[in-house]
Amino acid sequence: MTVVAHPSLLRELVERCETLRRHAASGGSQEVARRLEDATYTLCVVTGTRQLDAALSVARRQLADAMTRQPPFRH
């Protein structure tokens, strides 16, 4: 049995990693680098990967799978 993180957690982690990576690439501070490292570690743990690109890929796939299993709530 594979454990999959809740979609809201995955979405938040993906967005955080992508935002921090953009800030780091444009000359971010030591604080940005540390926060990116922390977010990367967390995303890797919840996706069972070891590198950010792999973690992002797995998280996106899991999010897409979650959307096909349960469409978003509509009013």
C-alpha atoms as a PDB file:
ATOM      1  CA  MET A   1       0.000   0.000   0.000  1.00  0.00           C
ATOM      2  CA  THR A   2       1.345   3.418  -0.983  1.00  0.00           C
ATOM      3  CA  VAL A   3       0.807   6.342   1.343  1.00  0.00           C
ATOM      4  CA  VAL A   4      -0.110   9.571  -0.449  1.00  0.00           C
ATOM      5  CA  ALA A   5      -0.175  12.964   1.238  1.00  0.00           C
ATOM      6  CA  HIS A   6      -3.413  14.936   1.253  1.00  0.00           C
ATOM      7  CA  PRO A   7      -3.774  17.000  -1.936  1.00  0.00           C
ATOM      8  CA  SER A   8      -3.952  20.295  -0.026  1.00  0.00           C
ATOM      9  CA  LEU A   9      -0.590  19.552   1.628  1.00  0.00           C
ATOM     10  CA  LEU A  10       0.967  18.544  -1.687  1.00  0.00           C
ATOM     11  CA  ARG A  11      -0.361  21.666  -3.406  1.00  0.00           C
ATOM     12  CA  GLU A  12       0.953  23.937  -0.650  1.00  0.00           C
ATOM     13  CA  LEU A  13       4.396  22.293  -0.685  1.00  0.00           C
ATOM     14  CA  VAL A  14       4.672  22.428  -4.484  1.00  0.00           C
ATOM     15  CA  GLU A  15       3.748  26.114  -4.507  1.00  0.00           C
ATOM     16  CA  ARG A  16       6.162  26.883  -1.662  1.00  0.00           C
ATOM     17  CA  CYS A  17       9.063  25.050  -3.331  1.00  0.00           C
ATOM     18  CA  GLU A  18       8.447  26.673  -6.703  1.00  0.00           C
ATOM     19  CA  THR A  19       8.197  30.160  -5.201  1.00  0.00           C
ATOM     20  CA  LEU A  20      11.296  29.750  -3.053  1.00  0.00           C
ATOM     21  CA  ARG A  21      13.258  28.264  -5.955  1.00  0.00           C
ATOM     22  CA  ARG A  22      12.410  31.323  -8.095  1.00  0.00           C
ATOM     23  CA  HIS A  23      13.507  33.657  -5.286  1.00  0.00           C
ATOM     24  CA  ALA A  24      16.736  31.706  -4.759  1.00  0.00           C
ATOM     25  CA  ALA A  25      17.512  31.769  -8.490  1.00  0.00           C
ATOM     26  CA  SER A  26      17.135  35.541  -8.573  1.00  0.00           C
ATOM     27  CA  GLY A  27      19.691  36.111  -5.836  1.00  0.00           C
ATOM     28  CA  GLY A  28      17.681  35.231  -2.753  1.00  0.00           C
ATOM     29  CA  SER A  29      19.074  35.577   0.751  1.00  0.00           C
ATOM     30  CA  GLN A  30      20.501  32.908   3.039  1.00  0.00           C
ATOM     31  CA  GLU A  31      17.051  32.778   4.659  1.00  0.00           C
ATOM     32  CA  VAL A  32      15.423  31.979   1.311  1.00  0.00           C
ATOM     33  CA  ALA A  33      17.992  29.234   0.711  1.00  0.00           C
ATOM     34  CA  ARG A  34      17.329  27.746   4.159  1.00  0.00           C
ATOM     35  CA  ARG A  35      13.555  27.866   3.674  1.00  0.00           C
ATOM     36  CA  LEU A  36      13.918  26.218   0.251  1.00  0.00           C
ATOM     37  CA  GLU A  37      16.059  23.485   1.784  1.00  0.00           C
ATOM     38  CA  ASP A  38      13.426  22.874   4.487  1.00  0.00           C
ATOM     39  CA  ALA A  39      10.539  22.830   2.004  1.00  0.00           C
ATOM     40  CA  THR A  40      12.472  20.551  -0.349  1.00  0.00           C
ATOM     41  CA  TYR A  41      13.199  18.113   2.481  1.00  0.00           C
ATOM     42  CA  THR A  42       9.528  18.016   3.491  1.00  0.00           C
ATOM     43  CA  LEU A  43       8.294  17.524  -0.076  1.00  0.00           C
ATOM     44  CA  CYS A  44      10.861  14.768  -0.639  1.00  0.00           C
ATOM     45  CA  VAL A  45       9.754  12.989   2.535  1.00  0.00           C
ATOM     46  CA  VAL A  46       6.056  13.064   1.643  1.00  0.00           C
ATOM     47  CA  THR A  47       6.729  11.916  -1.944  1.00  0.00           C
ATOM     48  CA  GLY A  48       9.379   9.309  -1.125  1.00  0.00           C
ATOM     49  CA  THR A  49      12.014  10.974  -3.309  1.00  0.00           C
ATOM     50  CA  ARG A  50      15.462  12.483  -2.774  1.00  0.00           C
ATOM     51  CA  GLN A  51      15.660  15.421  -5.182  1.00  0.00           C
ATOM     52  CA  LEU A  52      13.424  18.443  -5.683  1.00  0.00           C
ATOM     53  CA  ASP A  53      12.689  17.878  -9.376  1.00  0.00           C
ATOM     54  CA  ALA A  54      11.660  14.269  -8.711  1.00  0.00           C
ATOM     55  CA  ALA A  55       9.570  15.337  -5.712  1.00  0.00           C
ATOM     56  CA  LEU A  56       7.777  17.999  -7.769  1.00  0.00           C
ATOM     57  CA  SER A  57       7.068  15.488 -10.528  1.00  0.00           C
ATOM     58  CA  VAL A  58       5.660  12.888  -8.118  1.00  0.00           C
ATOM     59  CA  ALA A  59       3.599  15.508  -6.263  1.00  0.00           C
ATOM     60  CA  ARG A  60       2.108  16.835  -9.505  1.00  0.00           C
ATOM     61  CA  ARG A  61       1.238  13.296 -10.600  1.00  0.00           C
ATOM     62  CA  GLN A  62      -0.398  12.580  -7.237  1.00  0.00           C
ATOM     63  CA  LEU A  63      -2.366  15.833  -7.458  1.00  0.00           C
ATOM     64  CA  ALA A  64      -3.567  14.951 -10.963  1.00  0.00           C
ATOM     65  CA  ASP A  65      -4.574  11.477  -9.767  1.00  0.00           C
ATOM     66  CA  ALA A  66      -6.475  12.979  -6.842  1.00  0.00           C
ATOM     67  CA  MET A  67      -8.390  15.267  -9.216  1.00  0.00           C
ATOM     68  CA  THR A  68      -9.481  12.331 -11.392  1.00  0.00           C
ATOM     69  CA  ARG A  69     -10.638  10.347  -8.358  1.00  0.00           C
ATOM     70  CA  GLN A  70     -12.574  13.192  -6.755  1.00  0.00           C
ATOM     71  CA  PRO A  71     -13.500  16.334  -8.684  1.00  0.00           C
ATOM     72  CA  PRO A  72     -13.457  19.607  -6.738  1.00  0.00           C
ATOM     73  CA  PHE A  73     -16.542  20.545  -4.756  1.00  0.00           C
ATOM     74  CA  ARG A  74     -18.915  22.852  -6.601  1.00  0.00           C
ATOM     75  CA  HIS A  75     -21.699  24.975  -5.141  1.00  0.00           C
END
